[in-house]
């Protein structure tokens, strides 16, 4: 999901997507510890998506003030 798509979402939708991504990341970390994770690049992608969403959410909050 690129920043253009994220900016089109509302703040509540962004927060929901952040929560979903964090949950998925937690599951992937458990898989990694147990040795079941095959696609380790997914962790990096999720971490960056979460950061991108939080940045855009912060920008939207600051612009609203």
PDB file of N, CA and C in Angstrom:
ATOM      1  N   UNK A   1       0.855  -1.164   0.000  1.00  0.00           N
ATOM      2  CA  UNK A   1       0.000   0.000   0.000  1.00  0.00           C
ATOM      3  C   UNK A   1       0.906   1.233   0.000  1.00  0.00           C
ATOM      4  N   UNK A   2       0.734   2.079  -0.994  1.00  0.00           N
ATOM      5  CA  UNK A   2       1.584   3.272  -1.063  1.00  0.00           C
ATOM      6  C   UNK A   2       0.933   4.438  -0.326  1.00  0.00           C
ATOM      7  N   UNK A   3       1.693   5.516  -0.199  1.00  0.00           N
ATOM      8  CA  UNK A   3       1.217   6.638   0.600  1.00  0.00           C
ATOM      9  C   UNK A   3      -0.012   7.311  -0.012  1.00  0.00           C
ATOM     10  N   UNK A   4      -0.146   7.262  -1.322  1.00  0.00           N
ATOM     11  CA  UNK A   4      -1.316   7.855  -1.976  1.00  0.00           C
ATOM     12  C   UNK A   4      -2.597   7.134  -1.542  1.00  0.00           C
ATOM     13  N   UNK A   5      -2.521   5.817  -1.461  1.00  0.00           N
ATOM     14  CA  UNK A   5      -3.679   5.026  -1.025  1.00  0.00           C
ATOM     15  C   UNK A   5      -4.002   5.285   0.441  1.00  0.00           C
ATOM     16  N   UNK A   6      -2.965   5.425   1.248  1.00  0.00           N
ATOM     17  CA  UNK A   6      -3.164   5.652   2.684  1.00  0.00           C
ATOM     18  C   UNK A   6      -3.798   7.013   2.930  1.00  0.00           C
ATOM     19  N   UNK A   7      -3.355   8.012   2.196  1.00  0.00           N
ATOM     20  CA  UNK A   7      -3.900   9.362   2.371  1.00  0.00           C
ATOM     21  C   UNK A   7      -5.384   9.434   2.014  1.00  0.00           C
ATOM     22  N   UNK A   8      -5.859   8.517   1.168  1.00  0.00           N
ATOM     23  CA  UNK A   8      -7.267   8.501   0.774  1.00  0.00           C
ATOM     24  C   UNK A   8      -8.159   7.923   1.876  1.00  0.00           C
ATOM     25  N   UNK A   9      -7.557   7.269   2.877  1.00  0.00           N
ATOM     26  CA  UNK A   9      -8.328   6.654   3.946  1.00  0.00           C
ATOM     27  C   UNK A   9      -8.615   7.662   5.058  1.00  0.00           C
ATOM     28  N   UNK A  10      -9.632   7.367   5.838  1.00  0.00           N
ATOM     29  CA  UNK A  10      -9.925   8.204   7.011  1.00  0.00           C
ATOM     30  C   UNK A  10      -9.001   7.796   8.154  1.00  0.00           C
ATOM     31  N   UNK A  11      -8.968   8.603   9.189  1.00  0.00           N
ATOM     32  CA  UNK A  11      -8.095   8.337  10.337  1.00  0.00           C
ATOM     33  C   UNK A  11      -8.460   7.018  11.017  1.00  0.00           C
ATOM     34  N   UNK A  12      -9.754   6.733  11.128  1.00  0.00           N
ATOM     35  CA  UNK A  12     -10.182   5.488  11.759  1.00  0.00           C
ATOM     36  C   UNK A  12      -9.772   4.274  10.941  1.00  0.00           C
ATOM     37  N   UNK A  13      -9.860   4.381   9.626  1.00  0.00           N
ATOM     38  CA  UNK A  13      -9.450   3.281   8.760  1.00  0.00           C
ATOM     39  C   UNK A  13      -7.945   3.045   8.847  1.00  0.00           C
ATOM     40  N   UNK A  14      -7.186   4.119   8.936  1.00  0.00           N
ATOM     41  CA  UNK A  14      -5.735   3.984   9.065  1.00  0.00           C
ATOM     42  C   UNK A  14      -5.394   3.298  10.385  1.00  0.00           C
ATOM     43  N   UNK A  15      -6.060   3.703  11.461  1.00  0.00           N
ATOM     44  CA  UNK A  15      -5.810   3.088  12.764  1.00  0.00           C
ATOM     45  C   UNK A  15      -6.155   1.598  12.737  1.00  0.00           C
ATOM     46  N   UNK A  16      -7.226   1.246  12.051  1.00  0.00           N
ATOM     47  CA  UNK A  16      -7.618  -0.167  11.954  1.00  0.00           C
ATOM     48  C   UNK A  16      -6.577  -0.957  11.171  1.00  0.00           C
ATOM     49  N   UNK A  17      -6.060  -0.389  10.099  1.00  0.00           N
ATOM     50  CA  UNK A  17      -5.043  -1.065   9.306  1.00  0.00           C
ATOM     51  C   UNK A  17      -3.742  -1.212  10.088  1.00  0.00           C
ATOM     52  N   UNK A  18      -3.397  -0.205  10.882  1.00  0.00           N
ATOM     53  CA  UNK A  18      -2.199  -0.304  11.721  1.00  0.00           C
ATOM     54  C   UNK A  18      -2.360  -1.457  12.706  1.00  0.00           C
ATOM     55  N   UNK A  19      -3.525  -1.556  13.326  1.00  0.00           N
ATOM     56  CA  UNK A  19      -3.769  -2.637  14.285  1.00  0.00           C
ATOM     57  C   UNK A  19      -3.688  -4.002  13.601  1.00  0.00           C
ATOM     58  N   UNK A  20      -4.254  -4.116  12.401  1.00  0.00           N
ATOM     59  CA  UNK A  20      -4.192  -5.379  11.654  1.00  0.00           C
ATOM     60  C   UNK A  20      -2.751  -5.747  11.313  1.00  0.00           C
ATOM     61  N   UNK A  21      -1.992  -4.755  10.862  1.00  0.00           N
ATOM     62  CA  UNK A  21      -0.602  -5.022  10.499  1.00  0.00           C
ATOM     63  C   UNK A  21       0.232  -5.407  11.718  1.00  0.00           C
ATOM     64  N   UNK A  22      -0.018  -4.770  12.852  1.00  0.00           N
ATOM     65  CA  UNK A  22       0.714  -5.124  14.067  1.00  0.00           C
ATOM     66  C   UNK A  22       0.393  -6.547  14.516  1.00  0.00           C
ATOM     67  N   UNK A  23      -0.871  -6.936  14.378  1.00  0.00           N
ATOM     68  CA  UNK A  23      -1.266  -8.293  14.736  1.00  0.00           C
ATOM     69  C   UNK A  23      -0.587  -9.306  13.814  1.00  0.00           C
ATOM     70  N   UNK A  24      -0.573  -9.015  12.521  1.00  0.00           N
ATOM     71  CA  UNK A  24       0.089  -9.904  11.566  1.00  0.00           C
ATOM     72  C   UNK A  24       1.585  -9.993  11.853  1.00  0.00           C
ATOM     73  N   UNK A  25       2.190  -8.860  12.216  1.00  0.00           N
ATOM     74  CA  UNK A  25       3.611  -8.837  12.517  1.00  0.00           C
ATOM     75  C   UNK A  25       3.916  -9.685  13.757  1.00  0.00           C
ATOM     76  N   UNK A  26       3.043  -9.630  14.747  1.00  0.00           N
ATOM     77  CA  UNK A  26       3.227 -10.435  15.944  1.00  0.00           C
ATOM     78  C   UNK A  26       3.182 -11.925  15.595  1.00  0.00           C
ATOM     79  N   UNK A  27       2.239 -12.311  14.756  1.00  0.00           N
ATOM     80  CA  UNK A  27       2.125 -13.712  14.340  1.00  0.00           C
ATOM     81  C   UNK A  27       3.371 -14.145  13.572  1.00  0.00           C
ATOM     82  N   UNK A  28       3.864 -13.267  12.719  1.00  0.00           N
ATOM     83  CA  UNK A  28       5.066 -13.595  11.960  1.00  0.00           C
ATOM     84  C   UNK A  28       6.286 -13.730  12.871  1.00  0.00           C
ATOM     85  N   UNK A  29       6.360 -12.895  13.901  1.00  0.00           N
ATOM     86  CA  UNK A  29       7.476 -13.011  14.849  1.00  0.00           C
ATOM     87  C   UNK A  29       7.438 -14.350  15.584  1.00  0.00           C
ATOM     88  N   UNK A  30       6.247 -14.797  15.959  1.00  0.00           N
ATOM     89  CA  UNK A  30       6.128 -16.102  16.610  1.00  0.00           C
ATOM     90  C   UNK A  30       6.558 -17.217  15.661  1.00  0.00           C
ATOM     91  N   UNK A  31       6.178 -17.095  14.388  1.00  0.00           N
ATOM     92  CA  UNK A  31       6.594 -18.085  13.395  1.00  0.00           C
ATOM     93  C   UNK A  31       8.105 -18.079  13.229  1.00  0.00           C
ATOM     94  N   UNK A  32       8.697 -16.894  13.264  1.00  0.00           N
ATOM     95  CA  UNK A  32      10.140 -16.787  13.092  1.00  0.00           C
ATOM     96  C   UNK A  32      10.879 -17.451  14.258  1.00  0.00           C
ATOM     97  N   UNK A  33      10.398 -17.227  15.470  1.00  0.00           N
ATOM     98  CA  UNK A  33      11.037 -17.811  16.647  1.00  0.00           C
ATOM     99  C   UNK A  33      10.930 -19.331  16.619  1.00  0.00           C
ATOM    100  N   UNK A  34       9.795 -19.837  16.172  1.00  0.00           N
ATOM    101  CA  UNK A  34       9.606 -21.291  16.151  1.00  0.00           C
ATOM    102  C   UNK A  34      10.216 -21.945  14.917  1.00  0.00           C
ATOM    103  N   UNK A  35      10.746 -21.126  13.997  1.00  0.00           N
ATOM    104  CA  UNK A  35      11.402 -21.674  12.816  1.00  0.00           C
ATOM    105  C   UNK A  35      10.471 -22.007  11.673  1.00  0.00           C
ATOM    106  N   UNK A  36       9.254 -21.552  11.703  1.00  0.00           N
ATOM    107  CA  UNK A  36       8.282 -21.859  10.665  1.00  0.00           C
ATOM    108  C   UNK A  36       8.181 -20.781   9.594  1.00  0.00           C
ATOM    109  N   UNK A  37       8.788 -19.631   9.821  1.00  0.00           N
ATOM    110  CA  UNK A  37       8.669 -18.516   8.893  1.00  0.00           C
ATOM    111  C   UNK A  37       9.596 -18.727   7.702  1.00  0.00           C
ATOM    112  N   UNK A  38       9.018 -18.677   6.496  1.00  0.00           N
ATOM    113  CA  UNK A  38       9.831 -18.856   5.290  1.00  0.00           C
ATOM    114  C   UNK A  38      10.100 -17.529   4.597  1.00  0.00           C
ATOM    115  N   UNK A  39       9.147 -16.611   4.629  1.00  0.00           N
ATOM    116  CA  UNK A  39       9.303 -15.317   3.961  1.00  0.00           C
ATOM    117  C   UNK A  39       9.637 -14.242   4.995  1.00  0.00           C
ATOM    118  N   UNK A  40      10.919 -14.080   5.285  1.00  0.00           N
ATOM    119  CA  UNK A  40      11.329 -13.132   6.312  1.00  0.00           C
ATOM    120  C   UNK A  40      11.208 -11.689   5.845  1.00  0.00           C
ATOM    121  N   UNK A  41      11.125 -11.464   4.549  1.00  0.00           N
ATOM    122  CA  UNK A  41      11.018 -10.093   4.044  1.00  0.00           C
ATOM    123  C   UNK A  41       9.674  -9.469   4.405  1.00  0.00           C
ATOM    124  N   UNK A  42       8.685 -10.281   4.703  1.00  0.00           N
ATOM    125  CA  UNK A  42       7.357  -9.767   5.060  1.00  0.00           C
ATOM    126  C   UNK A  42       7.412  -8.941   6.348  1.00  0.00           C
ATOM    127  N   UNK A  43       8.290  -9.314   7.292  1.00  0.00           N
ATOM    128  CA  UNK A  43       8.451  -8.543   8.529  1.00  0.00           C
ATOM    129  C   UNK A  43       8.907  -7.120   8.218  1.00  0.00           C
ATOM    130  N   UNK A  44       9.867  -7.001   7.335  1.00  0.00           N
ATOM    131  CA  UNK A  44      10.403  -5.686   6.960  1.00  0.00           C
ATOM    132  C   UNK A  44       9.338  -4.850   6.260  1.00  0.00           C
ATOM    133  N   UNK A  45       8.596  -5.475   5.378  1.00  0.00           N
ATOM    134  CA  UNK A  45       7.542  -4.770   4.641  1.00  0.00           C
ATOM    135  C   UNK A  45       6.474  -4.257   5.605  1.00  0.00           C
ATOM    136  N   UNK A  46       6.051  -5.103   6.534  1.00  0.00           N
ATOM    137  CA  UNK A  46       5.031  -4.693   7.507  1.00  0.00           C
ATOM    138  C   UNK A  46       5.518  -3.557   8.390  1.00  0.00           C
ATOM    139  N   UNK A  47       6.766  -3.643   8.848  1.00  0.00           N
ATOM    140  CA  UNK A  47       7.317  -2.594   9.707  1.00  0.00           C
ATOM    141  C   UNK A  47       7.310  -1.258   8.983  1.00  0.00           C
ATOM    142  N   UNK A  48       7.658  -1.262   7.718  1.00  0.00           N
ATOM    143  CA  UNK A  48       7.682  -0.018   6.942  1.00  0.00           C
ATOM    144  C   UNK A  48       6.271   0.501   6.662  1.00  0.00           C
ATOM    145  N   UNK A  49       5.332  -0.410   6.399  1.00  0.00           N
ATOM    146  CA  UNK A  49       3.945   0.019   6.176  1.00  0.00           C
ATOM    147  C   UNK A  49       3.372   0.669   7.438  1.00  0.00           C
ATOM    148  N   UNK A  50       3.652   0.080   8.588  1.00  0.00           N
ATOM    149  CA  UNK A  50       3.163   0.637   9.850  1.00  0.00           C
ATOM    150  C   UNK A  50       3.746   2.030  10.055  1.00  0.00           C
ATOM    151  N   UNK A  51       5.037   2.179   9.813  1.00  0.00           N
ATOM    152  CA  UNK A  51       5.683   3.483   9.978  1.00  0.00           C
ATOM    153  C   UNK A  51       5.095   4.507   9.014  1.00  0.00           C
ATOM    154  N   UNK A  52       4.842   4.089   7.784  1.00  0.00           N
ATOM    155  CA  UNK A  52       4.268   4.994   6.785  1.00  0.00           C
ATOM    156  C   UNK A  52       2.881   5.459   7.213  1.00  0.00           C
ATOM    157  N   UNK A  53       2.070   4.519   7.716  1.00  0.00           N
ATOM    158  CA  UNK A  53       0.715   4.867   8.145  1.00  0.00           C
ATOM    159  C   UNK A  53       0.737   5.791   9.355  1.00  0.00           C
ATOM    160  N   UNK A  54       1.628   5.513  10.313  1.00  0.00           N
ATOM    161  CA  UNK A  54       1.711   6.366  11.493  1.00  0.00           C
ATOM    162  C   UNK A  54       2.185   7.769  11.131  1.00  0.00           C
ATOM    163  N   UNK A  55       3.088   7.876  10.177  1.00  0.00           N
ATOM    164  CA  UNK A  55       3.569   9.182   9.739  1.00  0.00           C
ATOM    165  C   UNK A  55       2.449   9.985   9.102  1.00  0.00           C
ATOM    166  N   UNK A  56       1.704   9.359   8.215  1.00  0.00           N
ATOM    167  CA  UNK A  56       0.605  10.045   7.536  1.00  0.00           C
ATOM    168  C   UNK A  56      -0.485  10.420   8.537  1.00  0.00           C
ATOM    169  N   UNK A  57      -0.758   9.533   9.486  1.00  0.00           N
ATOM    170  CA  UNK A  57      -1.757   9.821  10.514  1.00  0.00           C
ATOM    171  C   UNK A  57      -1.321  11.023  11.345  1.00  0.00           C
ATOM    172  N   UNK A  58      -0.057  11.093  11.695  1.00  0.00           N
ATOM    173  CA  UNK A  58       0.462  12.244  12.434  1.00  0.00           C
ATOM    174  C   UNK A  58       0.375  13.532  11.638  1.00  0.00           C
ATOM    175  N   UNK A  59       0.654  13.441  10.350  1.00  0.00           N
ATOM    176  CA  UNK A  59       0.538  14.626   9.484  1.00  0.00           C
ATOM    177  C   UNK A  59      -0.893  15.115   9.402  1.00  0.00           C
ATOM    178  N   UNK A  60      -1.832  14.166   9.297  1.00  0.00           N
ATOM    179  CA  UNK A  60      -3.239  14.541   9.226  1.00  0.00           C
ATOM    180  C   UNK A  60      -3.696  15.185  10.526  1.00  0.00           C
ATOM    181  N   UNK A  61      -3.238  14.641  11.649  1.00  0.00           N
ATOM    182  CA  UNK A  61      -3.606  15.221  12.954  1.00  0.00           C
ATOM    183  C   UNK A  61      -3.036  16.623  13.112  1.00  0.00           C
ATOM    184  N   UNK A  62      -1.803  16.787  12.683  1.00  0.00           N
ATOM    185  CA  UNK A  62      -1.169  18.108  12.801  1.00  0.00           C
ATOM    186  C   UNK A  62      -1.857  19.130  11.883  1.00  0.00           C
ATOM    187  N   UNK A  63      -2.279  18.690  10.697  1.00  0.00           N
ATOM    188  CA  UNK A  63      -2.947  19.591   9.767  1.00  0.00           C
ATOM    189  C   UNK A  63      -4.342  19.983  10.281  1.00  0.00           C
ATOM    190  N   UNK A  64      -4.960  19.071  11.038  1.00  0.00           N
ATOM    191  CA  UNK A  64      -6.291  19.335  11.568  1.00  0.00           C
ATOM    192  C   UNK A  64      -6.254  20.363  12.697  1.00  0.00           C
ATOM    193  N   UNK A  65      -5.119  20.463  13.363  1.00  0.00           N
ATOM    194  CA  UNK A  65      -4.992  21.414  14.480  1.00  0.00           C
ATOM    195  C   UNK A  65      -4.787  22.770  13.965  1.00  0.00           C
TER     196      UNK A  65
END
